[in-house]
Full PDB file with SEQRES, HELIX, SHEET, SSBOND, CRYST1, ORIGX, SCALE, CONECT and MASTER records, all heavy atoms in Angstrom:
SEQRES   1 A   41  GLU PRO ALA ALA TYR LEU SER GLU ASN PRO HIS PHE CYS          
SEQRES   2 A   41  LYS SER ALA LEU ALA ARG TYR THR GLN TRP ASP PHE ILE          
SEQRES   3 A   41  ASP MET VAL ASN ARG TYR ASN ILE ALA TRP HIS GLU LYS          
SEQRES   4 A   41  THR LEU                                                      
HELIX    1 AA1 PRO A    2  ALA A    4  5                                   3    
HELIX    2 AA2 LYS A   14  ARG A   19  1                                   6    
HELIX    3 AA3 GLN A   22  ARG A   31  1                                  10    
CRYST1    1.000    1.000    1.000  90.00  90.00  90.00 P 1           1          
ORIGX1      1.000000  0.000000  0.000000        0.00000                         
ORIGX2      0.000000  1.000000  0.000000        0.00000                         
ORIGX3      0.000000  0.000000  1.000000        0.00000                         
SCALE1      1.000000  0.000000  0.000000        0.00000                         
SCALE2      0.000000  1.000000  0.000000        0.00000                         
SCALE3      0.000000  0.000000  1.000000        0.00000                         
ATOM      1  N   GLU A   1      88.571  24.353  85.959  1.00  0.00           N  
ATOM      2  CA  GLU A   1      89.422  24.457  87.158  1.00  0.00           C  
ATOM      3  C   GLU A   1      89.036  23.293  88.081  1.00  0.00           C  
ATOM      4  O   GLU A   1      87.945  22.699  87.945  1.00  0.00           O  
ATOM      5  CB  GLU A   1      89.182  25.811  87.866  1.00  0.00           C  
ATOM      6  CG  GLU A   1      87.742  26.019  88.262  1.00  0.00           C  
ATOM      7  CD  GLU A   1      87.563  27.166  89.246  1.00  0.00           C  
ATOM      8  OE1 GLU A   1      88.554  27.801  89.612  1.00  0.00           O  
ATOM      9  OE2 GLU A   1      86.401  27.399  89.640  1.00  0.00           O  
ATOM     10  N   PRO A   2      89.915  22.954  89.033  1.00  0.00           N  
ATOM     11  CA  PRO A   2      89.669  21.762  89.866  1.00  0.00           C  
ATOM     12  C   PRO A   2      88.316  21.761  90.575  1.00  0.00           C  
ATOM     13  O   PRO A   2      87.737  20.688  90.798  1.00  0.00           O  
ATOM     14  CB  PRO A   2      90.821  21.821  90.858  1.00  0.00           C  
ATOM     15  CG  PRO A   2      91.925  22.517  90.129  1.00  0.00           C  
ATOM     16  CD  PRO A   2      91.231  23.525  89.272  1.00  0.00           C  
ATOM     17  N   ALA A   3      87.794  22.923  90.935  1.00  0.00           N  
ATOM     18  CA  ALA A   3      86.519  22.998  91.695  1.00  0.00           C  
ATOM     19  C   ALA A   3      85.336  22.408  90.882  1.00  0.00           C  
ATOM     20  O   ALA A   3      84.319  22.085  91.471  1.00  0.00           O  
ATOM     21  CB  ALA A   3      86.221  24.437  92.070  1.00  0.00           C  
ATOM     22  N   ALA A   4      85.497  22.266  89.576  1.00  0.00           N  
ATOM     23  CA  ALA A   4      84.412  21.780  88.721  1.00  0.00           C  
ATOM     24  C   ALA A   4      84.438  20.263  88.549  1.00  0.00           C  
ATOM     25  O   ALA A   4      83.752  19.731  87.703  1.00  0.00           O  
ATOM     26  CB  ALA A   4      84.497  22.439  87.342  1.00  0.00           C  
ATOM     27  N   TYR A   5      85.244  19.568  89.373  1.00  0.00           N  
ATOM     28  CA  TYR A   5      85.387  18.115  89.252  1.00  0.00           C  
ATOM     29  C   TYR A   5      85.034  17.414  90.559  1.00  0.00           C  
ATOM     30  O   TYR A   5      85.362  17.896  91.639  1.00  0.00           O  
ATOM     31  CB  TYR A   5      86.831  17.778  88.822  1.00  0.00           C  
ATOM     32  CG  TYR A   5      87.155  18.241  87.443  1.00  0.00           C  
ATOM     33  CD1 TYR A   5      87.576  19.571  87.241  1.00  0.00           C  
ATOM     34  CD2 TYR A   5      86.975  17.431  86.330  1.00  0.00           C  
ATOM     35  CE1 TYR A   5      87.851  20.044  85.937  1.00  0.00           C  
ATOM     36  CE2 TYR A   5      87.218  17.891  85.044  1.00  0.00           C  
ATOM     37  CZ  TYR A   5      87.676  19.179  84.868  1.00  0.00           C  
ATOM     38  OH  TYR A   5      87.891  19.665  83.591  1.00  0.00           O  
ATOM     39  N   LEU A   6      84.391  16.265  90.422  1.00  0.00           N  
ATOM     40  CA  LEU A   6      84.039  15.439  91.569  1.00  0.00           C  
ATOM     41  C   LEU A   6      85.014  14.255  91.638  1.00  0.00           C  
ATOM     42  O   LEU A   6      85.293  13.619  90.623  1.00  0.00           O  
ATOM     43  CB  LEU A   6      82.647  14.851  91.425  1.00  0.00           C  
ATOM     44  CG  LEU A   6      81.430  15.766  91.536  1.00  0.00           C  
ATOM     45  CD1 LEU A   6      81.097  16.362  90.187  1.00  0.00           C  
ATOM     46  CD2 LEU A   6      80.250  14.972  92.069  1.00  0.00           C  
ATOM     47  N   SER A   7      85.478  13.951  92.851  1.00  0.00           N  
ATOM     48  CA  SER A   7      86.364  12.809  93.061  1.00  0.00           C  
ATOM     49  C   SER A   7      86.479  12.564  94.534  1.00  0.00           C  
ATOM     50  O   SER A   7      86.252  13.493  95.337  1.00  0.00           O  
ATOM     51  CB  SER A   7      87.763  13.138  92.489  1.00  0.00           C  
ATOM     52  OG  SER A   7      88.702  12.146  92.834  1.00  0.00           O  
ATOM     53  N   GLU A   8      86.762  11.313  94.925  1.00  0.00           N  
ATOM     54  CA  GLU A   8      87.009  11.034  96.357  1.00  0.00           C  
ATOM     55  C   GLU A   8      88.165  11.903  96.845  1.00  0.00           C  
ATOM     56  O   GLU A   8      88.191  12.284  97.985  1.00  0.00           O  
ATOM     57  CB  GLU A   8      87.348   9.574  96.539  1.00  0.00           C  
ATOM     58  CG  GLU A   8      86.181   8.613  96.445  1.00  0.00           C  
ATOM     59  CD  GLU A   8      85.406   8.465  97.747  1.00  0.00           C  
ATOM     60  OE1 GLU A   8      86.007   8.145  98.789  1.00  0.00           O  
ATOM     61  OE2 GLU A   8      84.174   8.677  97.730  1.00  0.00           O  
ATOM     62  N   ASN A   9      89.104  12.171  95.963  1.00  0.00           N  
ATOM     63  CA  ASN A   9      90.232  13.062  96.287  1.00  0.00           C  
ATOM     64  C   ASN A   9      90.157  14.295  95.363  1.00  0.00           C  
ATOM     65  O   ASN A   9      90.645  14.263  94.252  1.00  0.00           O  
ATOM     66  CB  ASN A   9      91.581  12.344  96.106  1.00  0.00           C  
ATOM     67  CG  ASN A   9      92.726  13.301  96.304  1.00  0.00           C  
ATOM     68  OD1 ASN A   9      92.573  14.445  96.725  1.00  0.00           O  
ATOM     69  ND2 ASN A   9      93.938  12.835  96.027  1.00  0.00           N  
ATOM     70  N   PRO A  10      89.520  15.374  95.836  1.00  0.00           N  
ATOM     71  CA  PRO A  10      89.344  16.550  94.982  1.00  0.00           C  
ATOM     72  C   PRO A  10      90.653  17.222  94.551  1.00  0.00           C  
ATOM     73  O   PRO A  10      90.647  18.029  93.615  1.00  0.00           O  
ATOM     74  CB  PRO A  10      88.465  17.479  95.829  1.00  0.00           C  
ATOM     75  CG  PRO A  10      88.570  17.002  97.225  1.00  0.00           C  
ATOM     76  CD  PRO A  10      88.943  15.517  97.177  1.00  0.00           C  
ATOM     77  N   HIS A  11      91.752  16.865  95.210  1.00  0.00           N  
ATOM     78  CA  HIS A  11      93.052  17.493  94.843  1.00  0.00           C  
ATOM     79  C   HIS A  11      93.721  16.789  93.676  1.00  0.00           C  
ATOM     80  O   HIS A  11      94.633  17.344  93.061  1.00  0.00           O  
ATOM     81  CB  HIS A  11      94.002  17.487  96.061  1.00  0.00           C  
ATOM     82  CG  HIS A  11      93.420  18.200  97.230  1.00  0.00           C  
ATOM     83  ND1 HIS A  11      93.279  19.576  97.269  1.00  0.00           N  
ATOM     84  CD2 HIS A  11      92.959  17.738  98.414  1.00  0.00           C  
ATOM     85  CE1 HIS A  11      92.736  19.945  98.424  1.00  0.00           C  
ATOM     86  NE2 HIS A  11      92.541  18.829  99.133  1.00  0.00           N  
ATOM     87  N   PHE A  12      93.303  15.546  93.382  1.00  0.00           N  
ATOM     88  CA  PHE A  12      94.014  14.713  92.422  1.00  0.00           C  
ATOM     89  C   PHE A  12      94.128  15.378  91.027  1.00  0.00           C  
ATOM     90  O   PHE A  12      95.181  15.310  90.384  1.00  0.00           O  
ATOM     91  CB  PHE A  12      93.337  13.332  92.261  1.00  0.00           C  
ATOM     92  CG  PHE A  12      94.022  12.440  91.281  1.00  0.00           C  
ATOM     93  CD1 PHE A  12      95.129  11.712  91.673  1.00  0.00           C  
ATOM     94  CD2 PHE A  12      93.564  12.309  89.985  1.00  0.00           C  
ATOM     95  CE1 PHE A  12      95.772  10.866  90.770  1.00  0.00           C  
ATOM     96  CE2 PHE A  12      94.194  11.482  89.066  1.00  0.00           C  
ATOM     97  CZ  PHE A  12      95.312  10.772  89.462  1.00  0.00           C  
ATOM     98  N   CYS A  13      93.074  16.021  90.575  1.00  0.00           N  
ATOM     99  CA  CYS A  13      93.073  16.561  89.218  1.00  0.00           C  
ATOM    100  C   CYS A  13      93.902  17.828  89.036  1.00  0.00           C  
ATOM    101  O   CYS A  13      94.140  18.286  87.905  1.00  0.00           O  
ATOM    102  CB  CYS A  13      91.612  16.822  88.762  1.00  0.00           C  
ATOM    103  SG  CYS A  13      90.770  18.084  89.753  1.00  0.00           S  
ATOM    104  N   LYS A  14      94.337  18.418  90.145  1.00  0.00           N  
ATOM    105  CA  LYS A  14      94.982  19.767  90.083  1.00  0.00           C  
ATOM    106  C   LYS A  14      96.239  19.782  89.213  1.00  0.00           C  
ATOM    107  O   LYS A  14      96.417  20.681  88.391  1.00  0.00           O  
ATOM    108  CB  LYS A  14      95.299  20.271  91.500  1.00  0.00           C  
ATOM    109  CG  LYS A  14      94.085  20.671  92.275  1.00  0.00           C  
ATOM    110  CD  LYS A  14      94.466  21.136  93.671  1.00  0.00           C  
ATOM    111  CE  LYS A  14      93.233  21.612  94.434  1.00  0.00           C  
ATOM    112  NZ  LYS A  14      93.551  21.983  95.825  1.00  0.00           N  
ATOM    113  N   SER A  15      97.110  18.818  89.409  1.00  0.00           N  
ATOM    114  CA  SER A  15      98.389  18.812  88.691  1.00  0.00           C  
ATOM    115  C   SER A  15      98.221  18.757  87.190  1.00  0.00           C  
ATOM    116  O   SER A  15      98.739  19.598  86.456  1.00  0.00           O  
ATOM    117  CB  SER A  15      99.271  17.630  89.181  1.00  0.00           C  
ATOM    118  OG  SER A  15     100.428  17.535  88.414  1.00  0.00           O  
ATOM    119  N   ALA A  16      97.441  17.763  86.745  1.00  0.00           N  
ATOM    120  CA  ALA A  16      97.260  17.578  85.283  1.00  0.00           C  
ATOM    121  C   ALA A  16      96.563  18.813  84.680  1.00  0.00           C  
ATOM    122  O   ALA A  16      96.952  19.287  83.607  1.00  0.00           O  
ATOM    123  CB  ALA A  16      96.466  16.307  85.006  1.00  0.00           C  
ATOM    124  N   LEU A  17      95.518  19.294  85.328  1.00  0.00           N  
ATOM    125  CA  LEU A  17      94.775  20.460  84.782  1.00  0.00           C  
ATOM    126  C   LEU A  17      95.662  21.705  84.708  1.00  0.00           C  
ATOM    127  O   LEU A  17      95.491  22.541  83.810  1.00  0.00           O  
ATOM    128  CB  LEU A  17      93.549  20.759  85.636  1.00  0.00           C  
ATOM    129  CG  LEU A  17      92.390  19.762  85.572  1.00  0.00           C  
ATOM    130  CD1 LEU A  17      91.339  20.065  86.627  1.00  0.00           C  
ATOM    131  CD2 LEU A  17      91.743  19.750  84.181  1.00  0.00           C  
ATOM    132  N   ALA A  18      96.640  21.808  85.630  1.00  0.00           N  
ATOM    133  CA  ALA A  18      97.520  22.968  85.632  1.00  0.00           C  
ATOM    134  C   ALA A  18      98.608  22.843  84.566  1.00  0.00           C  
ATOM    135  O   ALA A  18      99.054  23.854  83.989  1.00  0.00           O  
ATOM    136  CB  ALA A  18      98.190  23.137  87.011  1.00  0.00           C  
ATOM    137  N   ARG A  19      98.981  21.619  84.249  1.00  0.00           N  
ATOM    138  CA  ARG A  19     100.086  21.425  83.304  1.00  0.00           C  
ATOM    139  C   ARG A  19      99.658  21.416  81.873  1.00  0.00           C  
ATOM    140  O   ARG A  19     100.430  21.768  80.960  1.00  0.00           O  
ATOM    141  CB  ARG A  19     100.847  20.140  83.653  1.00  0.00           C  
ATOM    142  CG  ARG A  19     101.672  20.334  84.943  1.00  0.00           C  
ATOM    143  CD  ARG A  19     102.101  19.062  85.560  1.00  0.00           C  
ATOM    144  NE  ARG A  19     102.973  18.285  84.703  1.00  0.00           N  
ATOM    145  CZ  ARG A  19     102.870  16.974  84.507  1.00  0.00           C  
ATOM    146  NH1 ARG A  19     101.915  16.284  85.105  1.00  0.00           N  
ATOM    147  NH2 ARG A  19     103.707  16.330  83.712  1.00  0.00           N  
ATOM    148  N   TYR A  20      98.438  20.987  81.585  1.00  0.00           N  
ATOM    149  CA  TYR A  20      97.895  21.070  80.213  1.00  0.00           C  
ATOM    150  C   TYR A  20      96.499  21.690  80.365  1.00  0.00           C  
ATOM    151  O   TYR A  20      95.560  21.040  80.787  1.00  0.00           O  
ATOM    152  CB  TYR A  20      97.834  19.720  79.500  1.00  0.00           C  
ATOM    153  CG  TYR A  20      97.476  19.863  78.033  1.00  0.00           C  
ATOM    154  CD1 TYR A  20      98.484  20.070  77.073  1.00  0.00           C  
ATOM    155  CD2 TYR A  20      96.157  19.848  77.605  1.00  0.00           C  
ATOM    156  CE1 TYR A  20      98.171  20.225  75.743  1.00  0.00           C  
ATOM    157  CE2 TYR A  20      95.819  20.006  76.258  1.00  0.00           C  
ATOM    158  CZ  TYR A  20      96.850  20.216  75.340  1.00  0.00           C  
ATOM    159  OH  TYR A  20      96.514  20.388  73.997  1.00  0.00           O  
ATOM    160  N   THR A  21      96.396  22.970  80.005  1.00  0.00           N  
ATOM    161  CA  THR A  21      95.178  23.737  80.292  1.00  0.00           C  
ATOM    162  C   THR A  21      94.240  23.811  79.070  1.00  0.00           C  
ATOM    163  O   THR A  21      94.595  23.410  77.963  1.00  0.00           O  
ATOM    164  CB  THR A  21      95.513  25.170  80.710  1.00  0.00           C  
ATOM    165  OG1 THR A  21      96.034  25.865  79.557  1.00  0.00           O  
ATOM    166  CG2 THR A  21      96.579  25.182  81.820  1.00  0.00           C  
ATOM    167  N   GLN A  22      93.082  24.398  79.308  1.00  0.00           N  
ATOM    168  CA  GLN A  22      92.132  24.648  78.220  1.00  0.00           C  
ATOM    169  C   GLN A  22      92.780  25.512  77.122  1.00  0.00           C  
ATOM    170  O   GLN A  22      92.493  25.343  75.932  1.00  0.00           O  
ATOM    171  CB  GLN A  22      90.822  25.285  78.703  1.00  0.00           C  
ATOM    172  CG  GLN A  22      90.954  26.601  79.472  1.00  0.00           C  
ATOM    173  CD  GLN A  22      91.115  26.405  80.979  1.00  0.00           C  
ATOM    174  OE1 GLN A  22      91.878  25.566  81.421  1.00  0.00           O  
ATOM    175  NE2 GLN A  22      90.416  27.209  81.772  1.00  0.00           N  
ATOM    176  N   TRP A  23      93.659  26.426  77.545  1.00  0.00           N  
ATOM    177  CA  TRP A  23      94.291  27.330  76.573  1.00  0.00           C  
ATOM    178  C   TRP A  23      95.247  26.555  75.657  1.00  0.00           C  
ATOM    179  O   TRP A  23      95.388  26.869  74.457  1.00  0.00           O  
ATOM    180  CB  TRP A  23      95.046  28.473  77.303  1.00  0.00           C  
ATOM    181  CG  TRP A  23      94.167  29.089  78.344  1.00  0.00           C  
ATOM    182  CD1 TRP A  23      94.302  28.999  79.711  1.00  0.00           C  
ATOM    183  CD2 TRP A  23      92.973  29.853  78.106  1.00  0.00           C  
ATOM    184  NE1 TRP A  23      93.271  29.657  80.315  1.00  0.00           N  
ATOM    185  CE2 TRP A  23      92.440  30.190  79.377  1.00  0.00           C  
ATOM    186  CE3 TRP A  23      92.285  30.280  76.973  1.00  0.00           C  
ATOM    187  CZ2 TRP A  23      91.286  30.941  79.532  1.00  0.00           C  
ATOM    188  CZ3 TRP A  23      91.129  30.990  77.115  1.00  0.00           C  
ATOM    189  CH2 TRP A  23      90.634  31.334  78.378  1.00  0.00           C  
ATOM    190  N   ASP A  24      95.895  25.528  76.225  1.00  0.00           N  
ATOM    191  CA  ASP A  24      96.779  24.695  75.379  1.00  0.00           C  
ATOM    192  C   ASP A  24      95.963  23.969  74.329  1.00  0.00           C  
ATOM    193  O   ASP A  24      96.365  23.878  73.174  1.00  0.00           O  
ATOM    194  CB  ASP A  24      97.490  23.666  76.278  1.00  0.00           C  
ATOM    195  CG  ASP A  24      98.466  24.348  77.246  1.00  0.00           C  
ATOM    196  OD1 ASP A  24      99.201  25.232  76.807  1.00  0.00           O  
ATOM    197  OD2 ASP A  24      98.456  23.979  78.432  1.00  0.00           O  
ATOM    198  N   PHE A  25      94.798  23.434  74.727  1.00  0.00           N  
ATOM    199  CA  PHE A  25      93.976  22.707  73.744  1.00  0.00           C  
ATOM    200  C   PHE A  25      93.395  23.670  72.706  1.00  0.00           C  
ATOM    201  O   PHE A  25      93.360  23.365  71.513  1.00  0.00           O  
ATOM    202  CB  PHE A  25      92.869  21.916  74.436  1.00  0.00           C  
ATOM    203  CG  PHE A  25      92.242  20.901  73.514  1.00  0.00           C  
ATOM    204  CD1 PHE A  25      92.887  19.724  73.200  1.00  0.00           C  
ATOM    205  CD2 PHE A  25      91.012  21.146  72.898  1.00  0.00           C  
ATOM    206  CE1 PHE A  25      92.337  18.777  72.321  1.00  0.00           C  
ATOM    207  CE2 PHE A  25      90.459  20.233  72.007  1.00  0.00           C  
ATOM    208  CZ  PHE A  25      91.105  19.063  71.712  1.00  0.00           C  
ATOM    209  N   ILE A  26      92.980  24.842  73.164  1.00  0.00           N  
ATOM    210  CA  ILE A  26      92.451  25.857  72.229  1.00  0.00           C  
ATOM    211  C   ILE A  26      93.512  26.230  71.189  1.00  0.00           C  
ATOM    212  O   ILE A  26      93.215  26.371  70.009  1.00  0.00           O  
ATOM    213  CB  ILE A  26      91.962  27.093  72.998  1.00  0.00           C  
ATOM    214  CG1 ILE A  26      90.685  26.757  73.810  1.00  0.00           C  
ATOM    215  CG2 ILE A  26      91.666  28.269  72.051  1.00  0.00           C  
ATOM    216  CD1 ILE A  26      90.329  27.795  74.863  1.00  0.00           C  
ATOM    217  N   ASP A  27      94.772  26.310  71.643  1.00  0.00           N  
ATOM    218  CA  ASP A  27      95.888  26.607  70.709  1.00  0.00           C  
ATOM    219  C   ASP A  27      95.964  25.548  69.615  1.00  0.00           C  
ATOM    220  O   ASP A  27      96.167  25.863  68.447  1.00  0.00           O  
ATOM    221  CB  ASP A  27      97.240  26.632  71.459  1.00  0.00           C  
ATOM    222  CG  ASP A  27      97.455  27.955  72.174  1.00  0.00           C  
ATOM    223  OD1 ASP A  27      96.714  28.922  71.911  1.00  0.00           O  
ATOM    224  OD2 ASP A  27      98.363  28.004  73.025  1.00  0.00           O  
ATOM    225  N   MET A  28      95.795  24.287  69.992  1.00  0.00           N  
ATOM    226  CA  MET A  28      95.870  23.221  69.010  1.00  0.00           C  
ATOM    227  C   MET A  28      94.688  23.298  68.020  1.00  0.00           C  
ATOM    228  O   MET A  28      94.854  23.168  66.821  1.00  0.00           O  
ATOM    229  CB  MET A  28      95.898  21.840  69.669  1.00  0.00           C  
ATOM    230  CG  MET A  28      96.064  20.701  68.664  1.00  0.00           C  
ATOM    231  SD  MET A  28      96.533  19.137  69.405  1.00  0.00           S  
ATOM    232  CE  MET A  28      94.982  18.663  70.063  1.00  0.00           C  
ATOM    233  N   VAL A  29      93.500  23.563  68.556  1.00  0.00           N  
ATOM    234  CA  VAL A  29      92.298  23.712  67.714  1.00  0.00           C  
ATOM    235  C   VAL A  29      92.514  24.857  66.740  1.00  0.00           C  
ATOM    236  O   VAL A  29      92.198  24.754  65.525  1.00  0.00           O  
ATOM    237  CB  VAL A  29      91.049  23.932  68.603  1.00  0.00           C  
ATOM    238  CG1 VAL A  29      89.854  24.336  67.758  1.00  0.00           C  
ATOM    239  CG2 VAL A  29      90.736  22.680  69.414  1.00  0.00           C  
ATOM    240  N   ASN A  30      93.101  25.949  67.215  1.00  0.00           N  
ATOM    241  CA  ASN A  30      93.374  27.095  66.340  1.00  0.00           C  
ATOM    242  C   ASN A  30      94.400  26.777  65.250  1.00  0.00           C  
ATOM    243  O   ASN A  30      94.285  27.222  64.108  1.00  0.00           O  
ATOM    244  CB  ASN A  30      93.845  28.310  67.157  1.00  0.00           C  
ATOM    245  CG  ASN A  30      92.711  28.932  67.986  1.00  0.00           C  
ATOM    246  OD1 ASN A  30      91.537  28.744  67.682  1.00  0.00           O  
ATOM    247  ND2 ASN A  30      93.068  29.658  69.025  1.00  0.00           N  
ATOM    248  N   ARG A  31      95.427  25.960  65.638  1.00  0.00           N  
ATOM    249  CA  ARG A  31      96.455  25.580  64.650  1.00  0.00           C  
ATOM    250  C   ARG A  31      95.833  24.795  63.492  1.00  0.00           C  
ATOM    251  O   ARG A  31      96.312  24.866  62.353  1.00  0.00           O  
ATOM    252  CB  ARG A  31      97.516  24.695  65.314  1.00  0.00           C  
ATOM    253  CG  ARG A  31      98.586  25.431  66.031  1.00  0.00           C  
ATOM    254  CD  ARG A  31      99.881  24.615  66.159  1.00  0.00           C  
ATOM    255  NE  ARG A  31      99.720  23.237  66.612  1.00  0.00           N  
ATOM    256  CZ  ARG A  31      99.566  22.857  67.858  1.00  0.00           C  
ATOM    257  NH1 ARG A  31      99.538  23.754  68.827  1.00  0.00           N  
ATOM    258  NH2 ARG A  31      99.453  21.587  68.169  1.00  0.00           N  
ATOM    259  N   TYR A  32      94.757  24.075  63.762  1.00  0.00           N  
ATOM    260  CA  TYR A  32      94.061  23.308  62.720  1.00  0.00           C  
ATOM    261  C   TYR A  32      92.955  24.104  62.027  1.00  0.00           C  
ATOM    262  O   TYR A  32      92.195  23.582  61.232  1.00  0.00           O  
ATOM    263  CB  TYR A  32      93.481  22.022  63.323  1.00  0.00           C  
ATOM    264  CG  TYR A  32      94.488  20.901  63.399  1.00  0.00           C  
ATOM    265  CD1 TYR A  32      95.391  20.833  64.455  1.00  0.00           C  
ATOM    266  CD2 TYR A  32      94.557  19.916  62.422  1.00  0.00           C  
ATOM    267  CE1 TYR A  32      96.340  19.817  64.520  1.00  0.00           C  
ATOM    268  CE2 TYR A  32      95.493  18.879  62.494  1.00  0.00           C  
ATOM    269  CZ  TYR A  32      96.363  18.846  63.541  1.00  0.00           C  
ATOM    270  OH  TYR A  32      97.304  17.820  63.606  1.00  0.00           O  
ATOM    271  N   ASN A  33      92.920  25.423  62.370  1.00  0.00           N  
ATOM    272  CA  ASN A  33      91.950  26.346  61.749  1.00  0.00           C  
ATOM    273  C   ASN A  33      90.510  25.854  61.919  1.00  0.00           C  
ATOM    274  O   ASN A  33      89.687  25.968  61.004  1.00  0.00           O  
ATOM    275  CB  ASN A  33      92.237  26.548  60.248  1.00  0.00           C  
ATOM    276  CG  ASN A  33      93.594  27.210  60.045  1.00  0.00           C  
ATOM    277  OD1 ASN A  33      93.889  28.190  60.739  1.00  0.00           O  
ATOM    278  ND2 ASN A  33      94.395  26.677  59.140  1.00  0.00           N  
ATOM    279  N   ILE A  34      90.222  25.268  63.073  1.00  0.00           N  
ATOM    280  CA  ILE A  34      88.855  24.850  63.370  1.00  0.00           C  
ATOM    281  C   ILE A  34      88.106  26.029  63.999  1.00  0.00           C  
ATOM    282  O   ILE A  34      88.537  26.539  65.073  1.00  0.00           O  
ATOM    283  CB  ILE A  34      88.830  23.626  64.329  1.00  0.00           C  
ATOM    284  CG1 ILE A  34      89.515  22.429  63.667  1.00  0.00           C  
ATOM    285  CG2 ILE A  34      87.410  23.280  64.739  1.00  0.00           C  
ATOM    286  CD1 ILE A  34      89.759  21.242  64.586  1.00  0.00           C  
ATOM    287  N   ALA A  35      87.088  26.507  63.351  1.00  0.00           N  
ATOM    288  CA  ALA A  35      86.320  27.638  63.899  1.00  0.00           C  
ATOM    289  C   ALA A  35      85.464  27.160  65.071  1.00  0.00           C  
ATOM    290  O   ALA A  35      84.888  26.109  65.037  1.00  0.00           O  
ATOM    291  CB  ALA A  35      85.407  28.215  62.794  1.00  0.00           C  
ATOM    292  N   TRP A  36      85.441  28.004  66.112  1.00  0.00           N  
ATOM    293  CA  TRP A  36      84.672  27.641  67.322  1.00  0.00           C  
ATOM    294  C   TRP A  36      84.011  28.871  67.914  1.00  0.00           C  
ATOM    295  O   TRP A  36      84.325  29.976  67.555  1.00  0.00           O  
ATOM    296  CB  TRP A  36      85.565  26.968  68.352  1.00  0.00           C  
ATOM    297  CG  TRP A  36      86.828  27.703  68.716  1.00  0.00           C  
ATOM    298  CD1 TRP A  36      88.067  27.624  68.117  1.00  0.00           C  
ATOM    299  CD2 TRP A  36      86.986  28.700  69.756  1.00  0.00           C  
ATOM    300  NE1 TRP A  36      88.970  28.457  68.723  1.00  0.00           N  
ATOM    301  CE2 TRP A  36      88.328  29.139  69.720  1.00  0.00           C  
ATOM    302  CE3 TRP A  36      86.119  29.253  70.699  1.00  0.00           C  
ATOM    303  CZ2 TRP A  36      88.820  30.117  70.607  1.00  0.00           C  
ATOM    304  CZ3 TRP A  36      86.610  30.215  71.587  1.00  0.00           C  
ATOM    305  CH2 TRP A  36      87.950  30.643  71.532  1.00  0.00           C  
ATOM    306  N   HIS A  37      83.063  28.621  68.816  1.00  0.00           N  
ATOM    307  CA  HIS A  37      82.400  29.742  69.490  1.00  0.00           C  
ATOM    308  C   HIS A  37      82.078  29.360  70.938  1.00  0.00           C  
ATOM    309  O   HIS A  37      82.028  28.161  71.265  1.00  0.00           O  
ATOM    310  CB  HIS A  37      81.085  30.077  68.774  1.00  0.00           C  
ATOM    311  CG  HIS A  37      80.103  28.924  68.719  1.00  0.00           C  
ATOM    312  ND1 HIS A  37      80.214  27.923  67.777  1.00  0.00           N  
ATOM    313  CD2 HIS A  37      79.033  28.610  69.490  1.00  0.00           C  
ATOM    314  CE1 HIS A  37      79.256  27.048  67.976  1.00  0.00           C  
ATOM    315  NE2 HIS A  37      78.517  27.426  69.003  1.00  0.00           N  
ATOM    316  N   GLU A  38      81.919  30.379  71.768  1.00  0.00           N  
ATOM    317  CA  GLU A  38      81.471  30.133  73.137  1.00  0.00           C  
ATOM    318  C   GLU A  38      79.957  30.180  73.146  1.00  0.00           C  
ATOM    319  O   GLU A  38      79.355  31.138  72.633  1.00  0.00           O  
ATOM    320  CB  GLU A  38      81.995  31.186  74.094  1.00  0.00           C  
ATOM    321  CG  GLU A  38      81.550  30.955  75.528  1.00  0.00           C  
ATOM    322  CD  GLU A  38      81.926  32.079  76.500  1.00  0.00           C  
ATOM    323  OE1 GLU A  38      82.647  32.998  76.096  1.00  0.00           O  
ATOM    324  OE2 GLU A  38      81.481  32.032  77.657  1.00  0.00           O  
ATOM    325  N   LYS A  39      79.325  29.139  73.685  1.00  0.00           N  
ATOM    326  CA  LYS A  39      77.872  29.109  73.714  1.00  0.00           C  
ATOM    327  C   LYS A  39      77.357  29.844  74.984  1.00  0.00           C  
ATOM    328  O   LYS A  39      76.924  30.944  74.918  1.00  0.00           O  
ATOM    329  CB  LYS A  39      77.374  27.648  73.704  1.00  0.00           C  
ATOM    330  CG  LYS A  39      75.970  27.498  73.146  1.00  0.00           C  
ATOM    331  CD  LYS A  39      75.679  26.034  72.869  1.00  0.00           C  
ATOM    332  CE  LYS A  39      74.255  25.823  72.434  1.00  0.00           C  
ATOM    333  NZ  LYS A  39      73.953  24.395  72.285  1.00  0.00           N  
ATOM    334  N   THR A  40      77.442  29.187  76.126  1.00  0.00           N  
ATOM    335  CA  THR A  40      77.140  29.838  77.392  1.00  0.00           C  
ATOM    336  C   THR A  40      78.083  29.297  78.439  1.00  0.00           C  
ATOM    337  O   THR A  40      78.668  28.223  78.257  1.00  0.00           O  
ATOM    338  CB  THR A  40      75.705  29.526  77.901  1.00  0.00           C  
ATOM    339  OG1 THR A  40      75.606  28.106  78.049  1.00  0.00           O  
ATOM    340  CG2 THR A  40      74.620  29.987  76.979  1.00  0.00           C  
ATOM    341  N   LEU A  41      78.287  30.075  79.497  1.00  0.00           N  
ATOM    342  CA  LEU A  41      79.040  29.614  80.666  1.00  0.00           C  
ATOM    343  C   LEU A  41      80.400  29.011  80.302  1.00  0.00           C  
ATOM    344  O   LEU A  41      80.830  28.023  80.869  1.00  0.00           O  
ATOM    345  CB  LEU A  41      78.215  28.571  81.445  1.00  0.00           C  
ATOM    346  CG  LEU A  41      76.819  29.050  81.920  1.00  0.00           C  
ATOM    347  CD1 LEU A  41      75.992  27.889  82.431  1.00  0.00           C  
ATOM    348  CD2 LEU A  41      76.971  30.105  83.011  1.00  0.00           C  
TER     349      LEU A  41                                                      
MASTER        0    0    0    3    0    0    0    6  348    1    0    4          
END                                                                             
């Protein structure tokens, strides 16, 4: 989420992060049948 990013303009990353999210990338990883796990945090 945007709060986890440092920038002179902390608002800049909001649009891109909202339009292509971690869930979108996870979907692609799943489509390629790449097994993954959550480690911590």
